[in-house]
C-alpha atoms as a PDB file:
ATOM      1  CA  MET A   1      -0.036   0.052  -0.171  1.00  0.00           C
ATOM      2  CA  PRO A   2       1.329   3.274  -0.746  1.00  0.00           C
ATOM      3  CA  ARG A   3       2.167   5.337   2.504  1.00  0.00           C
ATOM      4  CA  ALA A   4      -0.546   7.725   4.191  1.00  0.00           C
ATOM      5  CA  ILE A   5      -0.257  11.304   5.212  1.00  0.00           C
ATOM      6  CA  VAL A   6      -1.672  12.834   7.756  1.00  0.00           C
ATOM      7  CA  VAL A   7      -1.943  15.833   7.244  1.00  0.00           C
ATOM      8  CA  LEU A   8      -2.948  17.819  10.778  1.00  0.00           C
ATOM      9  CA  GLY A   9      -4.625  21.160  12.143  1.00  0.00           C
ATOM     10  CA  HIS A  10      -4.758  22.687  15.260  1.00  0.00           C
ATOM     11  CA  GLY A  11      -8.531  22.033  14.713  1.00  0.00           C
ATOM     12  CA  SER A  12     -11.188  24.430  15.622  1.00  0.00           C
ATOM     13  CA  ARG A  13     -14.509  25.008  17.598  1.00  0.00           C
ATOM     14  CA  ALA A  14     -16.089  27.116  14.374  1.00  0.00           C
ATOM     15  CA  GLU A  15     -17.628  24.766  11.865  1.00  0.00           C
ATOM     16  CA  THR A  16     -15.792  27.079   9.123  1.00  0.00           C
ATOM     17  CA  ALA A  17     -12.222  26.385  10.060  1.00  0.00           C
ATOM     18  CA  THR A  18     -12.783  23.208   9.650  1.00  0.00           C
ATOM     19  CA  ARG A  19     -14.390  22.869   6.378  1.00  0.00           C
ATOM     20  CA  GLN A  20     -11.767  24.564   5.435  1.00  0.00           C
ATOM     21  CA  PHE A  21      -9.216  22.738   6.521  1.00  0.00           C
ATOM     22  CA  LEU A  22     -10.126  19.532   5.442  1.00  0.00           C
ATOM     23  CA  GLN A  23     -11.124  21.447   1.735  1.00  0.00           C
ATOM     24  CA  LEU A  24      -7.614  21.447   2.154  1.00  0.00           C
ATOM     25  CA  VAL A  25      -6.887  18.550   2.737  1.00  0.00           C
ATOM     26  CA  ASP A  26      -9.149  17.607  -0.050  1.00  0.00           C
ATOM     27  CA  LEU A  27      -6.351  19.768  -2.817  1.00  0.00           C
ATOM     28  CA  ILE A  28      -3.864  17.877  -1.329  1.00  0.00           C
ATOM     29  CA  ARG A  29      -5.330  14.334  -1.865  1.00  0.00           C
ATOM     30  CA  GLN A  30      -6.430  15.263  -5.761  1.00  0.00           C
ATOM     31  CA  ARG A  31      -2.200  16.037  -6.178  1.00  0.00           C
ATOM     32  CA  THR A  32      -0.900  12.410  -4.729  1.00  0.00           C
ATOM     33  CA  ALA A  33      -1.597   8.827  -4.870  1.00  0.00           C
ATOM     34  CA  ASP A  34      -1.098   8.203  -1.253  1.00  0.00           C
ATOM     35  CA  VAL A  35      -3.659   7.926   0.925  1.00  0.00           C
ATOM     36  CA  VAL A  36      -4.112  11.139   2.121  1.00  0.00           C
ATOM     37  CA  LEU A  37      -6.076  11.411   5.509  1.00  0.00           C
ATOM     38  CA  PRO A  38      -7.125  14.652   8.106  1.00  0.00           C
ATOM     39  CA  ALA A  39      -6.333  15.219  11.215  1.00  0.00           C
ATOM     40  CA  PHE A  40      -7.142  17.599  14.201  1.00  0.00           C
ATOM     41  CA  MET A  41      -5.072  18.068  17.937  1.00  0.00           C
ATOM     42  CA  GLU A  42      -7.661  19.219  19.212  1.00  0.00           C
ATOM     43  CA  LEU A  43     -10.577  20.792  19.362  1.00  0.00           C
ATOM     44  CA  ALA A  44     -12.595  19.451  16.081  1.00  0.00           C
ATOM     45  CA  GLU A  45     -12.448  15.385  14.924  1.00  0.00           C
ATOM     46  CA  PRO A  46     -10.869  12.542  13.867  1.00  0.00           C
ATOM     47  CA  THR A  47      -8.305  13.731  15.924  1.00  0.00           C
ATOM     48  CA  LEU A  48      -4.978  11.895  15.385  1.00  0.00           C
ATOM     49  CA  GLU A  49      -5.360   9.463  17.557  1.00  0.00           C
ATOM     50  CA  GLN A  50      -8.581   8.607  15.171  1.00  0.00           C
ATOM     51  CA  THR A  51      -6.667   8.942  12.063  1.00  0.00           C
ATOM     52  CA  VAL A  52      -2.928   7.268  12.896  1.00  0.00           C
ATOM     53  CA  PRO A  53      -5.007   3.963  13.295  1.00  0.00           C
ATOM     54  CA  GLU A  54      -7.498   4.270  10.241  1.00  0.00           C
ATOM     55  CA  ALA A  55      -4.244   4.702   8.136  1.00  0.00           C
ATOM     56  CA  ILE A  56      -2.944   1.344   9.559  1.00  0.00           C
ATOM     57  CA  ALA A  57      -6.289  -0.541   9.487  1.00  0.00           C
ATOM     58  CA  LYS A  58      -6.219   0.691   5.115  1.00  0.00           C
ATOM     59  CA  GLY A  59      -2.703  -0.990   5.386  1.00  0.00           C
ATOM     60  CA  ALA A  60       0.101   1.603   5.755  1.00  0.00           C
ATOM     61  CA  ASP A  61       3.787   0.922   6.629  1.00  0.00           C
ATOM     62  CA  GLU A  62       4.586   4.090   6.954  1.00  0.00           C
ATOM     63  CA  VAL A  63       2.897   7.223   8.023  1.00  0.00           C
ATOM     64  CA  VAL A  64       3.290  10.579   7.252  1.00  0.00           C
ATOM     65  CA  VAL A  65       2.390  13.090  10.167  1.00  0.00           C
ATOM     66  CA  VAL A  66       2.516  16.724   7.880  1.00  0.00           C
ATOM     67  CA  PRO A  67       1.515  20.125  10.503  1.00  0.00           C
ATOM     68  CA  CYS A  68      -0.432  22.389   8.826  1.00  0.00           C
ATOM     69  CA  PHE A  69       0.939  25.139  10.936  1.00  0.00           C
ATOM     70  CA  LEU A  70       2.811  28.291  10.416  1.00  0.00           C
ATOM     71  CA  PHE A  71       5.664  28.293  12.906  1.00  0.00           C
ATOM     72  CA  VAL A  72       6.792  25.917  16.112  1.00  0.00           C
ATOM     73  CA  GLY A  73       4.629  25.721  19.222  1.00  0.00           C
ATOM     74  CA  ARG A  74       4.517  22.963  21.775  1.00  0.00           C
ATOM     75  CA  HIS A  75       2.197  20.574  19.734  1.00  0.00           C
ATOM     76  CA  ILE A  76       4.959  20.663  17.395  1.00  0.00           C
ATOM     77  CA  GLU A  77       8.098  20.699  19.335  1.00  0.00           C
ATOM     78  CA  ARG A  78       5.764  18.529  21.686  1.00  0.00           C
ATOM     79  CA  ASP A  79       2.823  16.744  22.176  1.00  0.00           C
ATOM     80  CA  VAL A  80       3.141  15.289  18.316  1.00  0.00           C
ATOM     81  CA  PRO A  81       6.653  13.864  18.607  1.00  0.00           C
ATOM     82  CA  ALA A  82       5.562  11.909  21.718  1.00  0.00           C
ATOM     83  CA  LYS A  83       1.926  10.490  20.447  1.00  0.00           C
ATOM     84  CA  LEU A  84       4.500   9.183  17.079  1.00  0.00           C
ATOM     85  CA  ARG A  85       6.115   7.597  19.183  1.00  0.00           C
ATOM     86  CA  ALA A  86       3.659   5.889  21.317  1.00  0.00           C
ATOM     87  CA  PHE A  87       2.164   5.122  17.689  1.00  0.00           C
ATOM     88  CA  ALA A  88       5.876   3.379  16.924  1.00  0.00           C
ATOM     89  CA  GLU A  89       5.909   1.342  19.673  1.00  0.00           C
ATOM     90  CA  GLU A  90       2.500   0.134  19.353  1.00  0.00           C
ATOM     91  CA  HIS A  91       2.757  -0.507  15.752  1.00  0.00           C
ATOM     92  CA  PRO A  92       6.511  -1.634  15.348  1.00  0.00           C
ATOM     93  CA  ALA A  93       6.249  -2.657  11.988  1.00  0.00           C
ATOM     94  CA  VAL A  94       5.045   0.438  10.686  1.00  0.00           C
ATOM     95  CA  ARG A  95       8.113   3.336   9.880  1.00  0.00           C
ATOM     96  CA  PHE A  96       6.215   6.943  11.187  1.00  0.00           C
ATOM     97  CA  SER A  97       7.769  10.591  10.335  1.00  0.00           C
ATOM     98  CA  PHE A  98       7.044  13.921  10.906  1.00  0.00           C
ATOM     99  CA  GLY A  99       7.417  16.764   8.694  1.00  0.00           C
ATOM    100  CA  SER A 100       7.852  20.374   9.531  1.00  0.00           C
ATOM    101  CA  PRO A 101       5.553  23.425  10.144  1.00  0.00           C
ATOM    102  CA  LEU A 102       5.553  25.572   7.309  1.00  0.00           C
ATOM    103  CA  GLY A 103       7.760  28.395   8.816  1.00  0.00           C
ATOM    104  CA  PRO A 104       9.036  31.558   7.342  1.00  0.00           C
ATOM    105  CA  ASP A 105       8.525  30.295   3.702  1.00  0.00           C
ATOM    106  CA  PRO A 106       9.118  33.016   0.604  1.00  0.00           C
ATOM    107  CA  ARG A 107       6.348  31.351  -0.920  1.00  0.00           C
ATOM    108  CA  LEU A 108       4.051  32.376   1.731  1.00  0.00           C
ATOM    109  CA  VAL A 109       5.542  35.988   1.791  1.00  0.00           C
ATOM    110  CA  ASP A 110       3.816  35.891  -1.919  1.00  0.00           C
ATOM    111  CA  ILE A 111       0.725  34.248  -1.222  1.00  0.00           C
ATOM    112  CA  LEU A 112       0.775  36.896   2.289  1.00  0.00           C
ATOM    113  CA  LEU A 113       1.707  40.042  -0.392  1.00  0.00           C
ATOM    114  CA  GLU A 114      -1.352  39.120  -2.437  1.00  0.00           C
ATOM    115  CA  ARG A 115      -3.822  39.158   0.560  1.00  0.00           C
ATOM    116  CA  ILE A 116      -2.512  42.406   1.584  1.00  0.00           C
ATOM    117  CA  GLY A 117      -3.563  43.889  -1.916  1.00  0.00           C
ATOM    118  CA  GLU A 118      -6.667  42.193  -1.771  1.00  0.00           C
ATOM    119  CA  ALA A 119      -7.182  44.093   1.439  1.00  0.00           C
ATOM    120  CA  GLY A 120      -6.785  47.804  -0.002  1.00  0.00           C
ATOM    121  CA  CYS A 121      -3.292  47.766   0.468  1.00  0.00           C
ATOM    122  CA  PRO A 122      -0.863  47.436  -3.009  1.00  0.00           C
ATOM    123  CA  ALA A 123       1.937  46.158  -2.038  1.00  0.00           C
END
């Protein structure tokens, strides 16, 4: 089976935010042959604890968790690595990896400059 990619969002109580995140995951899914699944850290479902077992049940022998977070924080530094270590102990035949947050990427600057222009302030 191809690897499973878990796109990890923070989560929100706002249904619009959850819907937009799921739309983003669908766009990613359309551009890869891998299994792509959504997960949230908190406040929304499915959680990482729900999604990772789902990926394994579908036969994934590799699970790549990619955070859809802008910057490093507590979840990225501590929470997710701890959860992935626990999953690795429970499922030693499955390889787990964890991507980086989006960070100060020049491509984000282009998007932000576009949004600044849309807000009525040409860059």
